[in-house]
């Protein structure tokens, strides 16, 4: 961090009376890890370190069995955590003035840690910058509010609202249904405002107790940071109101899944939208971007649907809602995976609808931008846009985590762009998680097989 950035951070600490610092790093799952230290020590050069092995941990806290991955670095090298001055936030719910700061990870040699999700996104953004392109994104994140549940064998239920009643039916876009949880959302907005999170709108989605928050368009790295911080903030707020907030892709069997849609556009050096031509119609660059998404998204699915549960959201059924099962595209069409909203030329964009709310925002944005980048540099043409329902187009995506990981392993173009070492480590971690899941005997198996086979 430069001297000017360090001075700016010191002044911010002084302005807010900061006494404690939470030093945060996102792991592969999107879980925030790090260290807590006194502000005085932090400002006086007390930079925290973490072992680089945090980036090969599974969601359960274990490690892959693959010897080449688990012991890829027997010494478990230290990483320096370097703060990003643009990712400094208050902890508005803390009793004492506390800062939470997102950090980048560097080895003691000064090299960036290529396994860090934030580093992967920055790597992709550098490719765009080298060509004079500035990607702009706007995430939409869905989530469920549910009753507190400490028994993982017990199905989740919608929470009790301020009327004392529980939602029993779907109430898409209902204002009254959102108002059931006004005390929670008022506090959530207060926290988000204190943290300068750029939230746009809040709506009730299809499921019982399911909501969606939309973010303003902006820089991908900044928005990925904000999504991570929003998830933490909402979970904390929900706990304070006696319920859980969950970003599982499919938390309840008979309710729709939760997504993280990502709107994407491209700005040139002149500040104009490169996805719109002089005639106001979609440009060739835009079509190549779509072509890249169609070509590479099936192989990139482990970044949009990273867990076993993720693929339950993508099943085509009456309880899946409008979750896409294809890589088709079309104008103002919610049955396709790649929707192009109708609007003014300066707002020309594509909405990638494949991602689940459980996706790591750094990796989902990096993967989507990488697919589009490959399409633009290779000048890939998309299939014709779909008119009408695309459900009959069939499932063009992997239907489970196993086939999805196989497809990613067999895509050298994505591996080269995202980093071969990162992709290999990610594959090993996700296979280890899949193996751990497969060892669990489910209630369905006991119910239907115990006495019948």
Protein backbone atom coordinates (compact mmCIF):
# COMPACT_ATOMS: atom_id res chain seq x y z
CA UNK A 1 0.00 0.00 0.00
CA UNK A 2 1.36 3.42 -0.97
CA UNK A 3 2.17 6.14 1.59
CA UNK A 4 -0.78 8.24 0.40
CA UNK A 5 -3.17 5.28 0.75
CA UNK A 6 -1.77 4.53 4.20
CA UNK A 7 -2.28 8.16 5.23
CA UNK A 8 -5.82 8.09 3.84
CA UNK A 9 -6.58 4.93 5.83
CA UNK A 10 -5.13 6.46 8.99
CA UNK A 11 -7.32 9.55 8.57
CA UNK A 12 -10.40 7.34 8.04
CA UNK A 13 -9.61 5.44 11.24
CA UNK A 14 -9.26 8.73 13.11
CA UNK A 15 -12.52 10.09 11.67
CA UNK A 16 -14.49 7.04 12.80
CA UNK A 17 -12.61 6.42 16.05
CA UNK A 18 -11.65 2.91 14.95
CA UNK A 19 -10.23 0.74 17.75
CA UNK A 20 -10.27 -2.69 16.07
CA UNK A 21 -9.72 -4.06 12.56
CA UNK A 22 -11.12 -7.20 10.93
CA UNK A 23 -8.71 -8.22 8.14
CA UNK A 24 -10.77 -10.19 5.62
CA UNK A 25 -9.98 -12.55 2.73
CA UNK A 26 -12.51 -14.54 0.68
CA UNK A 27 -11.77 -18.24 0.26
CA UNK A 28 -12.94 -20.37 -2.69
CA UNK A 29 -16.44 -20.72 -1.24
CA UNK A 30 -16.81 -17.01 -0.53
CA UNK A 31 -16.40 -17.49 3.22
CA UNK A 32 -14.56 -14.56 4.81
CA UNK A 33 -11.44 -15.56 6.71
CA UNK A 34 -8.72 -13.50 8.33
CA UNK A 35 -7.56 -11.98 11.59
CA UNK A 36 -8.72 -9.38 14.10
CA UNK A 37 -6.22 -6.94 15.56
CA UNK A 38 -6.04 -3.60 17.41
CA UNK A 39 -6.23 -0.58 15.13
CA UNK A 40 -3.08 0.94 16.65
CA UNK A 41 -1.02 -2.14 15.83
CA UNK A 42 -2.53 -2.35 12.34
CA UNK A 43 -1.65 1.26 11.51
CA UNK A 44 1.89 0.86 12.83
CA UNK A 45 2.87 -1.77 10.30
CA UNK A 46 1.30 -4.79 11.95
CA UNK A 47 0.28 -6.41 8.68
CA UNK A 48 -1.37 -9.80 9.25
CA UNK A 49 -0.33 -13.02 7.53
CA UNK A 50 -2.19 -16.21 6.71
CA UNK A 51 -1.05 -19.57 5.26
CA UNK A 52 -1.82 -19.98 1.56
CA UNK A 53 -3.46 -23.35 2.32
CA UNK A 54 -6.73 -21.53 3.11
CA UNK A 55 -7.32 -21.58 -0.65
CA UNK A 56 -7.32 -25.38 -0.86
CA UNK A 57 -9.76 -25.89 2.03
CA UNK A 58 -13.15 -27.43 1.34
CA UNK A 59 -16.41 -25.98 2.61
CA UNK A 60 -16.23 -28.45 5.52
CA UNK A 61 -12.76 -27.24 6.51
CA UNK A 62 -10.98 -30.30 5.12
CA UNK A 63 -8.52 -30.69 2.27
CA UNK A 64 -8.45 -32.71 -0.95
CA UNK A 65 -6.95 -36.20 -0.69
CA UNK A 66 -4.96 -35.64 -3.87
CA UNK A 67 -1.34 -35.63 -2.71
CA UNK A 68 -0.30 -33.20 -5.42
CA UNK A 69 -2.77 -30.64 -4.08
CA UNK A 70 -2.82 -31.20 -0.33
CA UNK A 71 0.97 -31.16 -0.16
CA UNK A 72 1.60 -28.88 -3.13
CA UNK A 73 3.49 -26.68 -0.69
CA UNK A 74 4.50 -28.62 2.45
CA UNK A 75 5.74 -25.42 4.10
CA UNK A 76 2.35 -23.71 3.69
CA UNK A 77 3.90 -20.39 2.74
CA UNK A 78 2.86 -17.24 4.51
CA UNK A 79 0.83 -14.67 2.64
CA UNK A 80 0.94 -10.96 3.39
CA UNK A 81 -2.50 -9.39 3.58
CA UNK A 82 -2.44 -6.01 1.83
CA UNK A 83 -5.51 -3.80 2.35
CA UNK A 84 -7.43 -2.40 -0.58
CA UNK A 85 -8.16 1.25 0.29
CA UNK A 86 -11.33 0.99 -1.81
CA UNK A 87 -12.66 -1.91 0.27
CA UNK A 88 -12.75 -0.39 3.76
CA UNK A 89 -16.04 -0.60 5.64
CA UNK A 90 -17.43 0.03 9.08
CA UNK A 91 -18.85 -2.84 11.15
CA UNK A 92 -22.08 -1.00 12.02
CA UNK A 93 -23.33 -3.69 14.43
CA UNK A 94 -20.14 -3.79 16.55
CA UNK A 95 -20.24 -2.38 20.08
CA UNK A 96 -16.84 -0.68 19.64
CA UNK A 97 -15.86 1.27 16.48
CA UNK A 98 -14.55 -1.47 14.18
CA UNK A 99 -13.33 -1.54 10.59
CA UNK A 100 -13.64 -4.49 8.23
CA UNK A 101 -11.18 -4.38 5.36
CA UNK A 102 -10.92 -6.69 2.35
CA UNK A 103 -7.30 -7.59 1.62
CA UNK A 104 -5.34 -8.88 -1.34
CA UNK A 105 -2.91 -11.75 -0.79
CA UNK A 106 0.77 -11.62 -1.74
CA UNK A 107 3.67 -13.93 -1.03
CA UNK A 108 6.63 -12.47 0.82
CA UNK A 109 8.38 -12.27 -2.58
CA UNK A 110 5.76 -9.73 -3.68
CA UNK A 111 4.02 -12.11 -6.10
CA UNK A 112 0.21 -12.20 -5.96
CA UNK A 113 -1.31 -15.46 -4.71
CA UNK A 114 -2.93 -16.82 -7.84
CA UNK A 115 -5.31 -19.11 -5.89
CA UNK A 116 -7.08 -16.15 -4.28
CA UNK A 117 -10.55 -15.57 -5.85
CA UNK A 118 -9.98 -11.81 -5.76
CA UNK A 119 -6.69 -12.29 -7.62
CA UNK A 120 -8.45 -14.39 -10.26
CA UNK A 121 -10.95 -11.60 -10.94
CA UNK A 122 -8.17 -8.99 -11.04
CA UNK A 123 -6.27 -11.17 -13.51
CA UNK A 124 -9.27 -11.19 -15.88
CA UNK A 125 -9.81 -7.44 -15.47
CA UNK A 126 -6.19 -6.83 -16.47
CA UNK A 127 -6.83 -8.57 -19.79
CA UNK A 128 -9.73 -6.21 -20.45
CA UNK A 129 -7.68 -3.19 -19.42
CA UNK A 130 -4.89 -4.12 -21.85
CA UNK A 131 -7.40 -3.81 -24.71
CA UNK A 132 -8.92 -0.54 -23.51
CA UNK A 133 -12.12 -2.25 -22.37
CA UNK A 134 -13.87 -1.53 -19.08
CA UNK A 135 -16.48 -4.12 -18.06
CA UNK A 136 -19.44 -2.93 -16.01
CA UNK A 137 -21.63 -5.29 -14.00
CA UNK A 138 -24.75 -5.18 -11.85
CA UNK A 139 -25.50 -8.23 -9.68
CA UNK A 140 -28.95 -9.26 -8.51
CA UNK A 141 -28.83 -11.50 -5.44
CA UNK A 142 -31.73 -13.63 -4.19
CA UNK A 143 -32.00 -15.11 -0.71
CA UNK A 144 -34.45 -16.69 1.71
CA UNK A 145 -35.41 -15.65 5.19
CA UNK A 146 -36.13 -18.81 7.18
CA UNK A 147 -36.92 -19.87 10.73
CA UNK A 148 -33.87 -20.59 12.85
CA UNK A 149 -33.03 -24.27 12.52
CA UNK A 150 -30.31 -26.03 14.48
CA UNK A 151 -31.20 -29.54 13.25
CA UNK A 152 -29.77 -30.10 9.77
CA UNK A 153 -32.11 -33.10 9.25
CA UNK A 154 -35.18 -30.90 9.67
CA UNK A 155 -36.51 -29.08 6.55
CA UNK A 156 -36.36 -25.29 6.52
CA UNK A 157 -39.52 -23.22 6.92
CA UNK A 158 -40.47 -19.61 6.15
CA UNK A 159 -40.18 -17.31 9.18
CA UNK A 160 -42.95 -15.62 11.12
CA UNK A 161 -43.59 -12.03 9.98
CA UNK A 162 -44.67 -9.06 12.09
CA UNK A 163 -48.35 -10.10 11.78
CA UNK A 164 -47.49 -13.35 13.55
CA UNK A 165 -48.28 -15.36 10.43
CA UNK A 166 -46.09 -17.55 8.25
CA UNK A 167 -46.08 -17.22 4.46
CA UNK A 168 -47.93 -20.19 2.98
CA UNK A 169 -48.06 -19.19 -0.69
CA UNK A 170 -45.93 -17.46 -3.28
CA UNK A 171 -46.26 -13.67 -3.37
CA UNK A 172 -44.02 -12.45 -6.18
CA UNK A 173 -43.41 -8.67 -6.09
CA UNK A 174 -45.80 -8.20 -3.17
CA UNK A 175 -45.07 -5.03 -1.20
CA UNK A 176 -47.09 -6.26 1.78
CA UNK A 177 -45.08 -9.49 1.89
CA UNK A 178 -41.84 -7.47 2.08
CA UNK A 179 -43.40 -5.23 4.75
CA UNK A 180 -43.90 -8.32 6.93
CA UNK A 181 -40.18 -8.00 7.66
CA UNK A 182 -39.90 -4.21 7.79
CA UNK A 183 -37.96 -4.09 11.07
CA UNK A 184 -35.30 -6.41 9.66
CA UNK A 185 -34.99 -4.61 6.32
CA UNK A 186 -34.94 -1.15 7.90
CA UNK A 187 -31.98 -2.20 10.00
CA UNK A 188 -30.36 -3.89 6.99
CA UNK A 189 -30.63 -0.66 4.98
CA UNK A 190 -29.19 1.33 7.88
CA UNK A 191 -26.21 -1.03 8.04
CA UNK A 192 -25.73 -0.94 4.25
CA UNK A 193 -25.86 2.86 4.24
CA UNK A 194 -23.25 3.02 7.02
CA UNK A 195 -21.04 0.74 4.89
CA UNK A 196 -21.70 2.65 1.62
CA UNK A 197 -23.02 -0.48 -0.10
CA UNK A 198 -24.60 0.61 -3.38
CA UNK A 199 -27.94 -1.22 -3.10
CA UNK A 200 -30.64 -0.25 -5.58
CA UNK A 201 -33.92 -2.10 -5.03
CA UNK A 202 -35.46 -4.78 -2.80
CA UNK A 203 -38.31 -6.99 -4.03
CA UNK A 204 -40.17 -10.11 -2.94
CA UNK A 205 -39.37 -13.03 -5.22
CA UNK A 206 -41.33 -16.17 -6.13
CA UNK A 207 -40.65 -18.31 -3.06
CA UNK A 208 -42.19 -18.01 0.40
CA UNK A 209 -39.82 -15.75 2.33
CA UNK A 210 -37.64 -15.24 -0.76
CA UNK A 211 -36.32 -11.74 -1.54
CA UNK A 212 -33.97 -10.15 -4.07
CA UNK A 213 -31.60 -7.21 -3.73
CA UNK A 214 -30.30 -5.42 -6.81
CA UNK A 215 -27.03 -3.50 -6.92
CA UNK A 216 -26.20 -0.46 -9.02
CA UNK A 217 -24.00 -0.92 -12.12
CA UNK A 218 -20.29 -0.49 -11.47
CA UNK A 219 -16.78 -1.90 -11.43
CA UNK A 220 -16.72 -5.74 -11.14
CA UNK A 221 -14.15 -5.85 -8.34
CA UNK A 222 -16.03 -3.26 -6.30
CA UNK A 223 -19.35 -5.05 -6.83
CA UNK A 224 -17.90 -8.45 -5.92
CA UNK A 225 -16.61 -6.91 -2.69
CA UNK A 226 -20.01 -5.42 -1.99
CA UNK A 227 -21.88 -8.69 -2.59
CA UNK A 228 -19.57 -10.47 -0.14
CA UNK A 229 -20.10 -7.72 2.44
CA UNK A 230 -23.85 -7.67 1.84
CA UNK A 231 -24.12 -11.40 2.52
CA UNK A 232 -22.31 -10.97 5.81
CA UNK A 233 -24.46 -7.96 6.73
CA UNK A 234 -27.76 -9.65 5.94
CA UNK A 235 -26.87 -12.80 7.87
CA UNK A 236 -25.99 -10.69 10.90
CA UNK A 237 -29.18 -8.62 10.63
CA UNK A 238 -31.38 -11.70 10.29
CA UNK A 239 -29.83 -13.26 13.41
CA UNK A 240 -30.59 -10.09 15.34
CA UNK A 241 -34.24 -10.52 14.35
CA UNK A 242 -34.47 -14.19 15.32
CA UNK A 243 -34.19 -15.80 11.90
CA UNK A 244 -31.67 -16.99 9.33
CA UNK A 245 -30.83 -15.53 5.94
CA UNK A 246 -29.60 -18.20 3.54
CA UNK A 247 -27.98 -17.95 0.12
CA UNK A 248 -28.23 -21.67 -0.63
CA UNK A 249 -29.17 -22.21 -4.25
CA UNK A 250 -32.09 -24.50 -3.34
CA UNK A 251 -32.81 -24.40 0.41
CA UNK A 252 -36.37 -25.79 0.26
CA UNK A 253 -37.57 -28.66 -1.93
CA UNK A 254 -40.92 -27.15 -2.90
CA UNK A 255 -39.78 -23.57 -3.43
CA UNK A 256 -37.81 -21.96 -6.30
CA UNK A 257 -34.05 -21.68 -6.05
CA UNK A 258 -32.07 -18.51 -5.42
CA UNK A 259 -29.90 -16.97 -8.13
CA UNK A 260 -27.23 -14.35 -8.60
CA UNK A 261 -27.88 -12.82 -12.01
CA UNK A 262 -25.08 -10.65 -13.39
CA UNK A 263 -25.83 -7.85 -15.88
CA UNK A 264 -22.77 -7.09 -18.03
CA UNK A 265 -21.81 -4.31 -20.43
CA UNK A 266 -18.57 -2.96 -21.86
CA UNK A 267 -17.28 0.62 -21.92
CA UNK A 268 -14.53 1.92 -24.20
CA UNK A 269 -11.90 4.59 -23.60
CA UNK A 270 -14.31 7.24 -24.85
CA UNK A 271 -16.91 6.23 -22.27
CA UNK A 272 -19.36 4.83 -24.81
CA UNK A 273 -21.06 1.46 -24.53
CA UNK A 274 -19.20 -0.86 -26.92
CA UNK A 275 -22.11 -3.30 -26.96
CA UNK A 276 -24.18 -0.82 -29.00
CA UNK A 277 -23.33 0.14 -32.58
CA UNK A 278 -23.69 3.58 -34.16
CA UNK A 279 -27.19 2.61 -35.28
CA UNK A 280 -28.18 1.86 -31.68
CA UNK A 281 -28.41 -1.87 -32.35
CA UNK A 282 -26.27 -4.59 -30.82
CA UNK A 283 -22.68 -4.33 -32.06
CA UNK A 284 -20.50 -7.10 -33.49
CA UNK A 285 -18.47 -7.01 -30.27
CA UNK A 286 -21.67 -7.66 -28.34
CA UNK A 287 -22.52 -10.66 -30.53
CA UNK A 288 -19.00 -12.06 -30.11
CA UNK A 289 -19.36 -11.65 -26.34
CA UNK A 290 -22.61 -13.65 -26.47
CA UNK A 291 -20.86 -16.22 -28.67
CA UNK A 292 -18.16 -16.62 -26.06
CA UNK A 293 -20.70 -17.09 -23.29
CA UNK A 294 -22.52 -19.75 -25.28
CA UNK A 295 -19.29 -21.56 -26.15
CA UNK A 296 -17.63 -21.59 -22.73
CA UNK A 297 -20.34 -21.28 -20.06
CA UNK A 298 -21.04 -25.05 -19.94
CA UNK A 299 -17.39 -25.64 -18.99
CA UNK A 300 -17.44 -22.73 -16.53
CA UNK A 301 -20.51 -23.99 -14.64
CA UNK A 302 -18.57 -25.02 -11.50
CA UNK A 303 -18.06 -21.29 -10.85
CA UNK A 304 -21.78 -20.50 -11.21
CA UNK A 305 -23.08 -23.70 -9.61
CA UNK A 306 -20.27 -24.69 -7.23
CA UNK A 307 -22.09 -27.12 -4.94
CA UNK A 308 -24.14 -30.30 -5.15
CA UNK A 309 -27.16 -28.29 -4.02
CA UNK A 310 -26.63 -25.79 -6.87
CA UNK A 311 -27.92 -28.21 -9.50
CA UNK A 312 -31.22 -28.74 -7.71
CA UNK A 313 -32.00 -25.13 -8.64
CA UNK A 314 -31.27 -25.85 -12.32
CA UNK A 315 -33.66 -28.80 -12.63
CA UNK A 316 -36.57 -28.00 -14.92
CA UNK A 317 -39.67 -28.56 -12.76
CA UNK A 318 -42.68 -26.76 -11.37
CA UNK A 319 -40.66 -25.75 -8.31
CA UNK A 320 -37.61 -24.44 -10.17
CA UNK A 321 -39.17 -21.07 -10.96
CA UNK A 322 -37.49 -19.31 -13.88
CA UNK A 323 -34.03 -20.82 -13.39
CA UNK A 324 -32.47 -21.32 -16.83
CA UNK A 325 -31.41 -24.72 -18.13
CA UNK A 326 -29.75 -23.57 -21.36
CA UNK A 327 -27.23 -21.17 -22.88
CA UNK A 328 -29.62 -19.64 -25.39
CA UNK A 329 -30.04 -15.87 -25.62
CA UNK A 330 -32.89 -13.57 -26.49
CA UNK A 331 -34.35 -10.11 -26.05
CA UNK A 332 -36.46 -9.63 -22.90
CA UNK A 333 -36.83 -13.39 -22.57
CA UNK A 334 -36.63 -14.99 -19.11
CA UNK A 335 -36.62 -18.56 -20.40
CA UNK A 336 -33.06 -18.19 -21.72
CA UNK A 337 -29.82 -18.31 -19.78
CA UNK A 338 -28.61 -15.08 -21.43
CA UNK A 339 -31.29 -12.38 -21.40
CA UNK A 340 -30.84 -9.06 -23.18
CA UNK A 341 -33.08 -6.43 -21.56
CA UNK A 342 -34.78 -3.98 -23.90
CA UNK A 343 -33.60 -0.40 -23.35
CA UNK A 344 -31.68 2.58 -24.69
CA UNK A 345 -28.45 1.93 -26.67
CA UNK A 346 -26.29 3.26 -23.83
CA UNK A 347 -27.84 0.57 -21.59
CA UNK A 348 -27.17 -2.34 -24.00
CA UNK A 349 -26.18 -5.32 -21.85
CA UNK A 350 -26.58 -9.04 -21.31
CA UNK A 351 -27.88 -10.64 -18.13
CA UNK A 352 -26.17 -13.92 -17.28
CA UNK A 353 -28.89 -15.82 -15.39
CA UNK A 354 -27.00 -19.05 -14.72
CA UNK A 355 -25.35 -18.22 -11.40
CA UNK A 356 -26.77 -19.34 -8.08
CA UNK A 357 -26.80 -17.19 -4.95
CA UNK A 358 -24.29 -19.67 -3.51
CA UNK A 359 -21.63 -18.76 -6.09
CA UNK A 360 -18.50 -16.91 -5.01
CA UNK A 361 -19.10 -13.45 -6.61
CA UNK A 362 -15.40 -12.98 -7.48
CA UNK A 363 -15.28 -16.27 -9.36
CA UNK A 364 -18.71 -15.95 -10.97
CA UNK A 365 -17.83 -12.51 -12.35
CA UNK A 366 -14.36 -13.63 -13.40
CA UNK A 367 -15.74 -16.68 -15.20
CA UNK A 368 -18.50 -14.77 -17.00
CA UNK A 369 -16.09 -12.04 -18.12
CA UNK A 370 -13.55 -14.68 -19.18
CA UNK A 371 -16.10 -16.47 -21.38
CA UNK A 372 -17.12 -13.20 -23.02
CA UNK A 373 -13.48 -12.18 -23.49
CA UNK A 374 -12.67 -15.44 -25.26
CA UNK A 375 -15.64 -14.88 -27.55
CA UNK A 376 -14.53 -11.36 -28.46
CA UNK A 377 -10.88 -12.17 -29.16
CA UNK A 378 -11.87 -15.27 -31.17
CA UNK A 379 -14.77 -13.45 -32.87
CA UNK A 380 -17.24 -16.22 -32.08
CA UNK A 381 -20.72 -15.82 -33.51
CA UNK A 382 -23.71 -16.70 -31.34
CA UNK A 383 -26.65 -18.83 -32.30
CA UNK A 384 -29.74 -16.84 -33.39
CA UNK A 385 -31.71 -15.28 -30.52
CA UNK A 386 -34.59 -17.31 -29.17
CA UNK A 387 -38.10 -16.00 -29.71
CA UNK A 388 -40.71 -17.44 -27.37
CA UNK A 389 -40.03 -20.18 -24.86
CA UNK A 390 -36.55 -21.68 -24.77
CA UNK A 391 -37.44 -24.56 -22.44
CA UNK A 392 -37.85 -26.85 -25.45
CA UNK A 393 -34.28 -26.06 -26.48
CA UNK A 394 -33.21 -28.69 -24.00
CA UNK A 395 -30.67 -28.68 -21.22
CA UNK A 396 -27.35 -27.50 -22.62
CA UNK A 397 -25.68 -27.44 -19.21
CA UNK A 398 -24.14 -30.11 -16.95
CA UNK A 399 -26.85 -31.48 -14.67
CA UNK A 400 -24.63 -32.33 -11.69
CA UNK A 401 -21.37 -31.22 -10.11
CA UNK A 402 -19.46 -34.29 -11.35
CA UNK A 403 -20.04 -33.74 -15.10
CA UNK A 404 -19.54 -29.99 -14.57
CA UNK A 405 -16.08 -30.55 -13.07
CA UNK A 406 -15.22 -32.90 -15.93
CA UNK A 407 -16.18 -30.22 -18.47
CA UNK A 408 -14.03 -27.59 -16.73
CA UNK A 409 -11.06 -29.96 -16.60
CA UNK A 410 -11.35 -30.47 -20.36
CA UNK A 411 -11.38 -26.75 -21.24
CA UNK A 412 -7.78 -25.52 -21.63
CA UNK A 413 -8.89 -22.08 -22.84
CA UNK A 414 -10.54 -21.24 -19.52
CA UNK A 415 -7.68 -22.81 -17.58
CA UNK A 416 -5.12 -20.67 -19.40
CA UNK A 417 -7.11 -17.49 -18.84
CA UNK A 418 -8.06 -18.03 -15.17
CA UNK A 419 -4.74 -19.67 -14.25
CA UNK A 420 -3.90 -23.35 -14.57
CA UNK A 421 -2.78 -23.70 -10.95
CA UNK A 422 -5.95 -22.05 -9.70
CA UNK A 423 -8.25 -24.22 -11.84
CA UNK A 424 -6.48 -27.45 -10.82
CA UNK A 425 -6.75 -26.51 -7.15
CA UNK A 426 -10.40 -25.55 -7.52
CA UNK A 427 -11.18 -28.87 -9.21
CA UNK A 428 -9.45 -30.80 -6.42
CA UNK A 429 -11.36 -28.92 -3.71
CA UNK A 430 -14.74 -29.40 -5.40
CA UNK A 431 -14.11 -33.11 -6.02
CA UNK A 432 -13.23 -33.54 -2.36
CA UNK A 433 -16.51 -31.83 -1.38
CA UNK A 434 -18.43 -34.08 -3.78
CA UNK A 435 -16.82 -37.18 -2.27
CA UNK A 436 -17.69 -36.02 1.25
CA UNK A 437 -21.31 -35.46 0.20
CA UNK A 438 -21.51 -38.87 -1.51
CA UNK A 439 -20.53 -40.61 1.72
CA UNK A 440 -23.67 -39.32 3.47
CA UNK A 441 -26.70 -41.62 3.42
CA UNK A 442 -29.80 -39.49 2.87
CA UNK A 443 -33.23 -39.74 4.47
CA UNK A 444 -34.67 -40.55 1.00
CA UNK A 445 -32.51 -43.67 0.82
CA UNK A 446 -33.57 -44.80 4.28
CA UNK A 447 -37.22 -44.06 3.50
CA UNK A 448 -37.46 -45.91 0.19
CA UNK A 449 -34.69 -48.52 0.26
CA UNK A 450 -34.30 -49.66 3.86
CA UNK A 451 -37.04 -52.30 3.81
CA UNK A 452 -37.80 -52.57 0.09
CA UNK A 453 -34.64 -53.74 -1.65
